[in-house]
Structures are given as structure tokens and as C-alpha cells.
Amino acid sequence: MADEVYLSRQGFEKLQAELERLKGSERPKISKAIGEARLLGDLSENAEYDAAKDAQMYCEARIAELEGKLSRVRIIDDEDIPKDKAFIGATVTIIDLETEQEEEYTLTGPEEADYETGKISIQSPIGKALLGHKIDDEVEIQVPAGTLKYKLTAIKR
């Protein structure tokens, strides 16, 4: 059995909307493009046909991937997760003990991770190291560049 996929309600709705868009508008658009490309003649040297078939292959693979993920989703907003520890869905504030720089991250599943918006995966080195820790815990994180040392200063849900 494949692993469960943990998503926020917002992340779930985003994937659901992408699936609906792919099935509702992209699939028919690609099918139409394939039909029009077929009318252009010899398929062996038809770039439009090849491009449309490639787009169809990508679209169908993404639909299958999304359907697989959505069938295994657990909405973290619905889970009874302790609020005093760093777990998926929590927004944590940490201080780098070496540079004293403060950072804030929201711990997410890999599907929602987006470093630019402060969302890090619980499978990333930092995310994995913070899991289960409480406020005032100090955490050492092994990364390729060495060891990072952080202090957890806040947890919000």
C-alpha cells in the first residue's frame, strides 16, 4: 500500500482544482489538437502531431499521479495533532544559534513544500529534524554543508 499523503485543506483543494482543469479543459484541448494535426497528412513527419501526443502523454501521466495522491490524502486540518510540538501543519520559528538569525517555516508534506513561501517538507533535513520538538528545544541538523544548530522559539497552528 502506498504511503498516505498529508495535505492542508488548501493544498488538497489546489490539487483537486488542477485535476479538474486537466480533465475538464486540457484533455479536450489536446484531443482537438491531435485531431487537427492528423488532418495535416503524413504523421511520420508531423511536428504538430508529435507535440500534441507528447502533451497528451504528460497530461494523462499527471492526471494519474493526481488521482493516486488524492486517493491517499489525509487532511491535516482534520487530524488531532498536538499543538505544543512541531508536527506537520505547524508554523515554527527557529533561531540559528550561530548567526542568531530568526526564521519561520510551515512544516508541510512534500507536495506542498515551497521554500520561497516558507513551506518546508517534513522530509527535508530541517523539517525532519524539527519534528516532535517543543519550544526551547535545541536541534542539531546535519546538512551537506555541515551541522546547523537551531533553537525552537515558537509553534503556531
Protein backbone atom coordinates (compact mmCIF):
# COMPACT_ATOMS: atom_id res chain seq x y z
CA MET A 1 0.00 0.00 0.00
CA ALA A 2 1.31 3.42 -0.91
CA ASP A 3 2.02 5.97 1.80
CA GLU A 4 -0.61 8.42 2.92
CA VAL A 5 -0.36 11.93 1.53
CA TYR A 6 -0.70 14.66 4.17
CA LEU A 7 -2.06 17.95 2.88
CA SER A 8 -3.66 21.06 4.29
CA ARG A 9 -7.21 21.71 3.14
CA GLN A 10 -5.81 24.44 0.88
CA GLY A 11 -3.24 22.03 -0.62
CA PHE A 12 -5.94 19.41 -1.20
CA GLU A 13 -8.18 21.94 -2.95
CA LYS A 14 -5.27 23.10 -5.12
CA LEU A 15 -4.55 19.54 -6.33
CA GLN A 16 -8.28 18.89 -6.81
CA ALA A 17 -8.59 22.06 -8.93
CA GLU A 18 -5.58 21.05 -11.04
CA LEU A 19 -7.11 17.62 -11.65
CA GLU A 20 -10.45 19.15 -12.65
CA ARG A 21 -8.67 21.58 -15.01
CA LEU A 22 -6.67 18.81 -16.66
CA LYS A 23 -9.73 16.61 -17.13
CA GLY A 24 -12.17 19.40 -17.98
CA SER A 25 -10.26 21.67 -20.32
CA GLU A 26 -6.75 20.37 -21.06
CA ARG A 27 -7.73 16.85 -22.11
CA PRO A 28 -10.34 18.05 -24.67
CA LYS A 29 -7.98 20.78 -25.96
CA ILE A 30 -5.20 18.23 -26.53
CA SER A 31 -7.60 15.78 -28.17
CA LYS A 32 -8.73 18.53 -30.56
CA ALA A 33 -5.09 19.41 -31.35
CA ILE A 34 -4.35 15.74 -32.16
CA GLY A 35 -7.38 15.61 -34.47
CA GLU A 36 -6.33 18.79 -36.26
CA ALA A 37 -2.73 17.57 -36.60
CA ARG A 38 -3.93 14.31 -38.15
CA LEU A 39 -5.64 16.31 -40.89
CA LEU A 40 -2.26 17.78 -41.89
CA GLY A 41 -1.22 14.49 -43.50
CA ASP A 42 1.77 12.21 -43.02
CA LEU A 43 2.07 11.54 -39.27
CA SER A 44 5.70 10.37 -39.52
CA GLU A 45 6.91 13.93 -40.23
CA ASN A 46 4.20 15.88 -38.47
CA ALA A 47 5.67 18.04 -35.67
CA GLU A 48 2.25 19.27 -34.57
CA TYR A 49 1.05 15.70 -34.13
CA ASP A 50 4.18 14.73 -32.17
CA ALA A 51 3.84 17.77 -29.90
CA ALA A 52 0.16 17.07 -29.27
CA LYS A 53 0.86 13.40 -28.48
CA ASP A 54 3.64 14.46 -26.06
CA ALA A 55 1.24 16.90 -24.37
CA GLN A 56 -1.36 14.13 -24.13
CA MET A 57 1.17 11.76 -22.55
CA TYR A 58 2.19 14.38 -19.98
CA CYS A 59 -1.43 15.29 -19.22
CA GLU A 60 -2.50 11.66 -18.72
CA ALA A 61 0.54 10.95 -16.50
CA ARG A 62 -0.22 13.99 -14.34
CA ILE A 63 -3.91 13.01 -14.09
CA ALA A 64 -2.91 9.51 -12.94
CA GLU A 65 -0.42 10.97 -10.43
CA LEU A 66 -3.01 13.38 -9.01
CA GLU A 67 -5.71 10.72 -8.79
CA GLY A 68 -3.27 8.45 -6.95
CA LYS A 69 -2.29 11.16 -4.46
CA LEU A 70 -5.84 12.36 -3.89
CA SER A 71 -6.98 8.80 -3.18
CA ARG A 72 -4.48 8.63 -0.29
CA VAL A 73 -4.95 12.14 1.17
CA ARG A 74 -5.33 12.83 4.85
CA ILE A 75 -6.28 16.44 5.55
CA ILE A 76 -4.00 17.58 8.37
CA ASP A 77 -6.52 20.24 9.44
CA ASP A 78 -8.82 17.34 10.44
CA GLU A 79 -6.18 15.46 12.42
CA ASP A 80 -5.75 15.59 16.18
CA ILE A 81 -2.14 16.77 16.18
CA PRO A 82 -0.52 18.06 19.40
CA LYS A 83 -0.26 21.85 19.29
CA ASP A 84 2.76 22.09 21.59
CA LYS A 85 5.12 20.15 19.31
CA ALA A 86 6.47 20.70 15.82
CA PHE A 87 4.45 18.43 13.54
CA ILE A 88 3.10 18.69 10.01
CA GLY A 89 0.92 21.77 9.62
CA ALA A 90 2.70 23.74 12.33
CA THR A 91 4.38 27.06 11.69
CA VAL A 92 7.62 27.11 13.66
CA THR A 93 10.00 29.92 14.50
CA ILE A 94 13.64 28.95 14.94
CA ILE A 95 16.79 30.86 15.73
CA ASP A 96 20.14 29.89 14.25
CA LEU A 97 22.34 29.61 17.34
CA GLU A 98 25.43 30.61 15.38
CA THR A 99 24.16 33.63 13.45
CA GLU A 100 21.19 34.48 15.73
CA GLN A 101 19.08 34.83 12.57
CA GLU A 102 15.40 34.05 13.11
CA GLU A 103 13.48 32.05 10.52
CA GLU A 104 9.87 30.94 10.26
CA TYR A 105 8.72 27.84 8.39
CA THR A 106 5.48 25.96 7.94
CA LEU A 107 6.02 22.21 8.03
CA THR A 108 4.25 20.52 5.12
CA GLY A 109 4.18 17.30 3.15
CA PRO A 110 6.44 17.19 0.08
CA GLU A 111 3.53 18.02 -2.24
CA GLU A 112 3.05 21.46 -0.67
CA ALA A 113 6.67 22.38 0.04
CA ASP A 114 7.68 25.75 -1.40
CA TYR A 115 10.81 27.24 0.11
CA GLU A 116 10.09 30.66 -1.43
CA THR A 117 6.90 30.96 0.66
CA GLY A 118 8.40 29.44 3.82
CA LYS A 119 6.85 25.99 3.44
CA ILE A 120 9.32 23.18 4.02
CA SER A 121 8.77 19.46 3.71
CA ILE A 122 8.86 17.25 6.78
CA GLN A 123 11.15 15.09 4.65
CA SER A 124 13.75 17.85 4.25
CA PRO A 125 16.71 17.79 6.65
CA ILE A 126 15.41 20.79 8.65
CA GLY A 127 11.79 19.63 8.63
CA LYS A 128 12.70 16.11 9.67
CA ALA A 129 14.95 17.34 12.49
CA LEU A 130 12.28 19.66 13.93
CA LEU A 131 9.52 17.04 14.08
CA GLY A 132 8.33 16.28 17.60
CA HIS A 133 10.33 19.04 19.29
CA LYS A 134 8.87 21.60 21.71
CA ILE A 135 9.53 25.28 22.31
CA ASP A 136 13.03 25.91 23.76
CA ASP A 137 14.38 22.61 22.36
CA GLU A 138 17.75 22.91 20.63
CA VAL A 139 18.14 20.89 17.46
CA GLU A 140 21.25 19.90 15.53
CA ILE A 141 20.71 19.31 11.83
CA GLN A 142 23.16 17.55 9.56
CA VAL A 143 23.21 19.13 6.11
CA PRO A 144 25.74 18.70 3.29
CA ALA A 145 27.50 21.94 4.33
CA GLY A 146 27.92 20.75 7.95
CA THR A 147 25.91 20.95 11.16
CA LEU A 148 23.31 23.60 11.82
CA LYS A 149 22.16 24.37 15.36
CA TYR A 150 18.73 25.87 15.97
CA LYS A 151 16.55 26.71 18.94
CA LEU A 152 12.79 26.34 18.51
CA THR A 153 11.19 29.54 19.86
CA ALA A 154 7.54 29.35 18.74
CA ILE A 155 4.96 26.93 17.37
CA LYS A 156 1.66 28.07 15.84
CA ARG A 157 -1.22 26.18 14.27
